[in-house]
Amino acid sequence: MKKKSKYRVRMDELKRFKKKHKLTKKEKERVEMWVESGHSAYDTRWWDELEQEEALDELLRGLTDKQKEYVYSYCMNWNLELDDAYFDYEKFEELDLENLPTFEEEEEPEIDLPF
């Protein structure tokens, strides 16, 4: 009897997981990425991360792309132990979302040339 590879086992497990749970398109994409990176579909940390991401998207709704970029660049941090980037919610709470810079581009005045 041939032993299944770990990859094949994870993919079979993913198939069963998707049959058992009604997932949105975004959830399907996320769990597929999670399993492809070597995790079990039943390890639901991917779901927690997705929920946090969606909650953050809700908080940032209404901000311009430049303001969102500013928030992410301010709040991203590096975990030396895990050697991985993470969103620092403590830094996020320091931000005043109502008074973020607007990053509006100033229009340059037109110069009338003499010719």
N, C-alpha and C. Protein backbone atom coordinates (compact mmCIF):
# COMPACT_ATOMS: atom_id res chain seq x y z
N MET A 1 0.84 -1.18 0.00
CA MET A 1 0.00 0.00 0.00
C MET A 1 0.88 1.24 0.00
N LYS A 2 0.59 2.16 -0.91
CA LYS A 2 1.39 3.37 -1.04
C LYS A 2 0.94 4.41 -0.03
N LYS A 3 1.90 5.04 0.64
CA LYS A 3 1.60 6.05 1.64
C LYS A 3 1.37 7.40 0.95
N LYS A 4 0.30 8.12 1.37
CA LYS A 4 0.01 9.41 0.78
C LYS A 4 1.03 10.44 1.25
N SER A 5 1.37 11.35 0.35
CA SER A 5 2.29 12.43 0.74
C SER A 5 1.54 13.41 1.66
N LYS A 6 2.30 14.15 2.42
CA LYS A 6 1.69 15.15 3.32
C LYS A 6 0.86 16.14 2.51
N TYR A 7 1.39 16.51 1.35
CA TYR A 7 0.66 17.45 0.48
C TYR A 7 -0.70 16.89 0.09
N ARG A 8 -0.71 15.64 -0.35
CA ARG A 8 -1.97 15.00 -0.77
C ARG A 8 -2.94 14.89 0.40
N VAL A 9 -2.44 14.58 1.59
CA VAL A 9 -3.28 14.48 2.78
C VAL A 9 -3.92 15.84 3.06
N ARG A 10 -3.10 16.92 3.01
CA ARG A 10 -3.63 18.28 3.26
C ARG A 10 -4.67 18.67 2.22
N MET A 11 -4.43 18.30 0.96
CA MET A 11 -5.37 18.66 -0.10
C MET A 11 -6.69 17.89 0.04
N ASP A 12 -6.62 16.64 0.43
CA ASP A 12 -7.84 15.86 0.68
C ASP A 12 -8.62 16.46 1.86
N GLU A 13 -7.88 16.84 2.88
CA GLU A 13 -8.48 17.46 4.05
C GLU A 13 -9.15 18.78 3.66
N LEU A 14 -8.49 19.55 2.79
CA LEU A 14 -9.05 20.82 2.32
C LEU A 14 -10.37 20.58 1.58
N LYS A 15 -10.38 19.57 0.74
CA LYS A 15 -11.60 19.24 -0.01
C LYS A 15 -12.76 18.93 0.95
N ARG A 16 -12.48 18.12 1.98
CA ARG A 16 -13.51 17.78 2.98
C ARG A 16 -13.95 19.03 3.75
N PHE A 17 -12.97 19.88 4.10
CA PHE A 17 -13.27 21.10 4.85
C PHE A 17 -14.20 22.01 4.04
N LYS A 18 -13.91 22.17 2.75
CA LYS A 18 -14.73 23.04 1.90
C LYS A 18 -16.13 22.48 1.69
N LYS A 19 -16.26 21.14 1.67
CA LYS A 19 -17.59 20.53 1.57
C LYS A 19 -18.40 20.76 2.84
N LYS A 20 -17.72 20.67 3.97
CA LYS A 20 -18.39 20.76 5.27
C LYS A 20 -18.79 22.20 5.62
N HIS A 21 -17.99 23.19 5.18
CA HIS A 21 -18.23 24.58 5.54
C HIS A 21 -18.60 25.41 4.31
N LYS A 22 -19.62 26.23 4.45
CA LYS A 22 -19.98 27.14 3.37
C LYS A 22 -19.08 28.37 3.49
N LEU A 23 -18.17 28.53 2.53
CA LEU A 23 -17.18 29.60 2.59
C LEU A 23 -17.43 30.64 1.52
N THR A 24 -17.09 31.88 1.85
CA THR A 24 -17.14 32.94 0.85
C THR A 24 -15.95 32.78 -0.08
N LYS A 25 -15.96 33.52 -1.18
CA LYS A 25 -14.85 33.44 -2.13
C LYS A 25 -13.54 33.83 -1.44
N LYS A 26 -13.59 34.88 -0.62
CA LYS A 26 -12.40 35.35 0.09
C LYS A 26 -11.90 34.29 1.08
N GLU A 27 -12.83 33.63 1.77
CA GLU A 27 -12.45 32.58 2.72
C GLU A 27 -11.82 31.39 1.99
N LYS A 28 -12.39 31.03 0.84
CA LYS A 28 -11.83 29.92 0.06
C LYS A 28 -10.40 30.23 -0.37
N GLU A 29 -10.20 31.47 -0.87
CA GLU A 29 -8.86 31.85 -1.29
C GLU A 29 -7.89 31.78 -0.12
N ARG A 30 -8.33 32.27 1.05
CA ARG A 30 -7.44 32.32 2.21
C ARG A 30 -7.11 30.93 2.72
N VAL A 31 -8.10 30.04 2.80
CA VAL A 31 -7.82 28.69 3.31
C VAL A 31 -6.95 27.92 2.32
N GLU A 32 -7.13 28.15 1.03
CA GLU A 32 -6.29 27.49 0.03
C GLU A 32 -4.83 27.94 0.18
N MET A 33 -4.62 29.25 0.38
CA MET A 33 -3.26 29.76 0.60
C MET A 33 -2.66 29.16 1.87
N TRP A 34 -3.49 29.06 2.90
CA TRP A 34 -3.06 28.54 4.20
C TRP A 34 -2.59 27.09 4.05
N VAL A 35 -3.38 26.30 3.35
CA VAL A 35 -3.06 24.88 3.16
C VAL A 35 -1.83 24.73 2.25
N GLU A 36 -1.76 25.55 1.21
CA GLU A 36 -0.60 25.50 0.31
C GLU A 36 0.69 25.79 1.05
N SER A 37 0.62 26.61 2.11
CA SER A 37 1.83 26.95 2.85
C SER A 37 2.18 25.90 3.91
N GLY A 38 1.42 24.78 3.93
CA GLY A 38 1.78 23.67 4.78
C GLY A 38 0.95 23.48 6.03
N HIS A 39 -0.13 24.25 6.17
CA HIS A 39 -0.97 24.15 7.36
C HIS A 39 -2.21 23.30 7.09
N SER A 40 -2.84 22.88 8.15
CA SER A 40 -4.09 22.14 8.05
C SER A 40 -5.25 23.12 7.88
N ALA A 41 -6.23 22.74 7.09
CA ALA A 41 -7.43 23.58 6.92
C ALA A 41 -8.18 23.72 8.23
N TYR A 42 -8.03 22.74 9.10
CA TYR A 42 -8.74 22.77 10.37
C TYR A 42 -8.02 23.61 11.43
N ASP A 43 -6.81 24.07 11.11
CA ASP A 43 -6.11 25.03 11.96
C ASP A 43 -6.65 26.40 11.57
N THR A 44 -7.58 26.90 12.35
CA THR A 44 -8.36 28.07 11.92
C THR A 44 -7.71 29.42 12.23
N ARG A 45 -6.42 29.45 12.42
CA ARG A 45 -5.76 30.75 12.58
C ARG A 45 -5.96 31.61 11.35
N TRP A 46 -6.05 30.99 10.17
CA TRP A 46 -6.27 31.75 8.94
C TRP A 46 -7.59 32.51 9.02
N TRP A 47 -8.60 31.88 9.65
CA TRP A 47 -9.91 32.49 9.78
C TRP A 47 -9.84 33.70 10.72
N ASP A 48 -9.10 33.54 11.83
CA ASP A 48 -8.92 34.64 12.77
C ASP A 48 -8.22 35.82 12.10
N GLU A 49 -7.19 35.54 11.32
CA GLU A 49 -6.46 36.59 10.62
C GLU A 49 -7.36 37.30 9.62
N LEU A 50 -8.19 36.54 8.92
CA LEU A 50 -9.11 37.12 7.95
C LEU A 50 -10.13 38.01 8.66
N GLU A 51 -10.67 37.56 9.79
CA GLU A 51 -11.63 38.37 10.54
C GLU A 51 -10.99 39.66 11.03
N GLN A 52 -9.75 39.59 11.50
CA GLN A 52 -9.04 40.80 11.94
C GLN A 52 -8.83 41.75 10.77
N GLU A 53 -8.48 41.20 9.63
CA GLU A 53 -8.26 42.00 8.43
C GLU A 53 -9.55 42.71 8.02
N GLU A 54 -10.66 41.98 8.04
CA GLU A 54 -11.94 42.57 7.66
C GLU A 54 -12.38 43.63 8.66
N ALA A 55 -12.13 43.40 9.95
CA ALA A 55 -12.46 44.40 10.97
C ALA A 55 -11.64 45.67 10.76
N LEU A 56 -10.37 45.49 10.42
CA LEU A 56 -9.51 46.64 10.16
C LEU A 56 -9.99 47.38 8.91
N ASP A 57 -10.35 46.65 7.87
CA ASP A 57 -10.88 47.27 6.66
C ASP A 57 -12.11 48.12 6.99
N GLU A 58 -12.94 47.62 7.88
CA GLU A 58 -14.14 48.35 8.30
C GLU A 58 -13.75 49.65 9.00
N LEU A 59 -12.75 49.59 9.87
CA LEU A 59 -12.28 50.78 10.58
C LEU A 59 -11.68 51.82 9.63
N LEU A 60 -11.04 51.34 8.57
CA LEU A 60 -10.37 52.24 7.64
C LEU A 60 -11.27 52.70 6.49
N ARG A 61 -12.50 52.19 6.48
CA ARG A 61 -13.43 52.58 5.42
C ARG A 61 -13.62 54.10 5.47
N GLY A 62 -13.58 54.71 4.31
CA GLY A 62 -13.77 56.16 4.24
C GLY A 62 -12.45 56.92 4.13
N LEU A 63 -11.34 56.24 4.40
CA LEU A 63 -10.04 56.89 4.25
C LEU A 63 -9.58 56.78 2.80
N THR A 64 -8.78 57.74 2.39
CA THR A 64 -8.22 57.66 1.04
C THR A 64 -7.14 56.58 1.01
N ASP A 65 -6.75 56.17 -0.18
CA ASP A 65 -5.68 55.15 -0.31
C ASP A 65 -4.39 55.64 0.33
N LYS A 66 -4.08 56.92 0.16
CA LYS A 66 -2.85 57.48 0.76
C LYS A 66 -2.92 57.43 2.28
N GLN A 67 -4.10 57.71 2.85
CA GLN A 67 -4.26 57.65 4.31
C GLN A 67 -4.13 56.22 4.81
N LYS A 68 -4.70 55.27 4.07
CA LYS A 68 -4.57 53.86 4.44
C LYS A 68 -3.11 53.43 4.40
N GLU A 69 -2.39 53.86 3.35
CA GLU A 69 -0.97 53.56 3.25
C GLU A 69 -0.22 54.10 4.46
N TYR A 70 -0.58 55.31 4.86
CA TYR A 70 0.04 55.95 6.03
C TYR A 70 -0.20 55.11 7.28
N VAL A 71 -1.45 54.67 7.48
CA VAL A 71 -1.80 53.87 8.66
C VAL A 71 -1.01 52.57 8.66
N TYR A 72 -0.99 51.87 7.53
CA TYR A 72 -0.27 50.59 7.47
C TYR A 72 1.23 50.79 7.69
N SER A 73 1.81 51.83 7.08
CA SER A 73 3.25 52.01 7.26
C SER A 73 3.57 52.39 8.70
N TYR A 74 2.67 53.10 9.37
CA TYR A 74 2.89 53.48 10.76
C TYR A 74 2.72 52.27 11.70
N CYS A 75 1.80 51.39 11.39
CA CYS A 75 1.43 50.32 12.32
C CYS A 75 2.09 48.97 12.06
N MET A 76 2.74 48.80 10.92
CA MET A 76 3.40 47.52 10.68
C MET A 76 4.66 47.43 11.51
N ASN A 77 4.90 46.25 12.07
CA ASN A 77 6.04 46.03 12.93
C ASN A 77 6.63 44.66 12.61
N TRP A 78 7.78 44.36 13.18
CA TRP A 78 8.46 43.10 12.90
C TRP A 78 8.64 42.31 14.18
N ASN A 79 8.23 41.05 14.17
CA ASN A 79 8.42 40.16 15.31
C ASN A 79 9.75 39.42 15.12
N LEU A 80 10.73 39.75 15.95
CA LEU A 80 12.06 39.15 15.80
C LEU A 80 12.06 37.66 16.10
N GLU A 81 11.23 37.22 17.05
CA GLU A 81 11.19 35.80 17.40
C GLU A 81 10.63 34.95 16.27
N LEU A 82 9.56 35.45 15.63
CA LEU A 82 8.94 34.69 14.55
C LEU A 82 9.50 35.07 13.18
N ASP A 83 10.31 36.14 13.15
CA ASP A 83 10.85 36.65 11.90
C ASP A 83 9.73 36.89 10.89
N ASP A 84 8.74 37.68 11.34
CA ASP A 84 7.56 37.90 10.53
C ASP A 84 6.98 39.29 10.82
N ALA A 85 6.35 39.87 9.82
CA ALA A 85 5.70 41.17 9.99
C ALA A 85 4.32 40.98 10.63
N TYR A 86 3.89 41.99 11.38
CA TYR A 86 2.55 41.95 11.97
C TYR A 86 2.02 43.37 12.11
N PHE A 87 0.71 43.47 12.21
CA PHE A 87 0.05 44.77 12.40
C PHE A 87 0.00 45.04 13.89
N ASP A 88 0.56 46.16 14.31
CA ASP A 88 0.65 46.51 15.72
C ASP A 88 -0.59 47.33 16.13
N TYR A 89 -1.53 46.67 16.80
CA TYR A 89 -2.78 47.33 17.17
C TYR A 89 -2.57 48.39 18.26
N GLU A 90 -1.51 48.26 19.05
CA GLU A 90 -1.22 49.29 20.05
C GLU A 90 -0.85 50.60 19.36
N LYS A 91 -0.03 50.51 18.31
CA LYS A 91 0.31 51.71 17.54
C LYS A 91 -0.93 52.26 16.85
N PHE A 92 -1.80 51.37 16.39
CA PHE A 92 -3.02 51.79 15.71
C PHE A 92 -3.89 52.63 16.64
N GLU A 93 -3.97 52.21 17.89
CA GLU A 93 -4.80 52.94 18.85
C GLU A 93 -4.23 54.31 19.17
N GLU A 94 -2.94 54.51 18.93
CA GLU A 94 -2.33 55.83 19.13
C GLU A 94 -2.77 56.82 18.07
N LEU A 95 -3.16 56.31 16.91
CA LEU A 95 -3.53 57.18 15.79
C LEU A 95 -4.89 57.83 16.01
N ASP A 96 -5.02 59.05 15.56
CA ASP A 96 -6.30 59.75 15.56
C ASP A 96 -6.82 59.70 14.12
N LEU A 97 -7.68 58.73 13.83
CA LEU A 97 -8.14 58.53 12.45
C LEU A 97 -8.92 59.72 11.91
N GLU A 98 -9.50 60.51 12.80
CA GLU A 98 -10.27 61.68 12.37
C GLU A 98 -9.35 62.80 11.87
N ASN A 99 -8.10 62.80 12.32
CA ASN A 99 -7.18 63.90 11.99
C ASN A 99 -5.91 63.43 11.29
N LEU A 100 -6.05 62.47 10.41
CA LEU A 100 -4.89 62.01 9.64
C LEU A 100 -4.55 63.06 8.59
N PRO A 101 -3.29 63.10 8.17
CA PRO A 101 -2.94 64.01 7.06
C PRO A 101 -3.79 63.67 5.84
N THR A 102 -4.14 64.69 5.06
CA THR A 102 -5.00 64.45 3.90
C THR A 102 -4.22 64.04 2.66
N PHE A 103 -2.95 64.39 2.60
CA PHE A 103 -2.08 64.05 1.48
C PHE A 103 -2.62 64.57 0.15
N GLU A 104 -3.33 65.68 0.21
CA GLU A 104 -3.84 66.26 -1.04
C GLU A 104 -2.69 66.90 -1.79
N GLU A 105 -2.67 66.65 -3.06
CA GLU A 105 -1.61 67.24 -3.88
C GLU A 105 -1.96 68.69 -4.16
N GLU A 106 -0.99 69.55 -3.91
CA GLU A 106 -1.21 70.96 -4.18
C GLU A 106 -1.02 71.19 -5.67
N GLU A 107 -1.93 71.98 -6.23
CA GLU A 107 -1.80 72.29 -7.64
C GLU A 107 -0.75 73.36 -7.82
N GLU A 108 0.09 73.16 -8.80
CA GLU A 108 1.11 74.16 -9.08
C GLU A 108 0.46 75.29 -9.85
N PRO A 109 0.80 76.52 -9.48
CA PRO A 109 0.19 77.65 -10.20
C PRO A 109 0.67 77.68 -11.65
N GLU A 110 -0.23 78.06 -12.53
CA GLU A 110 0.15 78.16 -13.94
C GLU A 110 1.00 79.40 -14.13
N ILE A 111 2.01 79.26 -14.92
CA ILE A 111 2.89 80.39 -15.21
C ILE A 111 2.63 80.81 -16.65
N ASP A 112 2.28 82.09 -16.78
CA ASP A 112 2.09 82.63 -18.13
C ASP A 112 3.44 82.97 -18.71
N LEU A 113 3.75 82.33 -19.81
CA LEU A 113 5.02 82.59 -20.48
C LEU A 113 4.80 83.70 -21.51
N PRO A 114 5.82 84.51 -21.73
CA PRO A 114 5.65 85.67 -22.61
C PRO A 114 5.59 85.34 -24.09
N PHE A 115 5.62 84.11 -24.48
CA PHE A 115 5.56 83.81 -25.91
C PHE A 115 4.40 82.96 -26.27
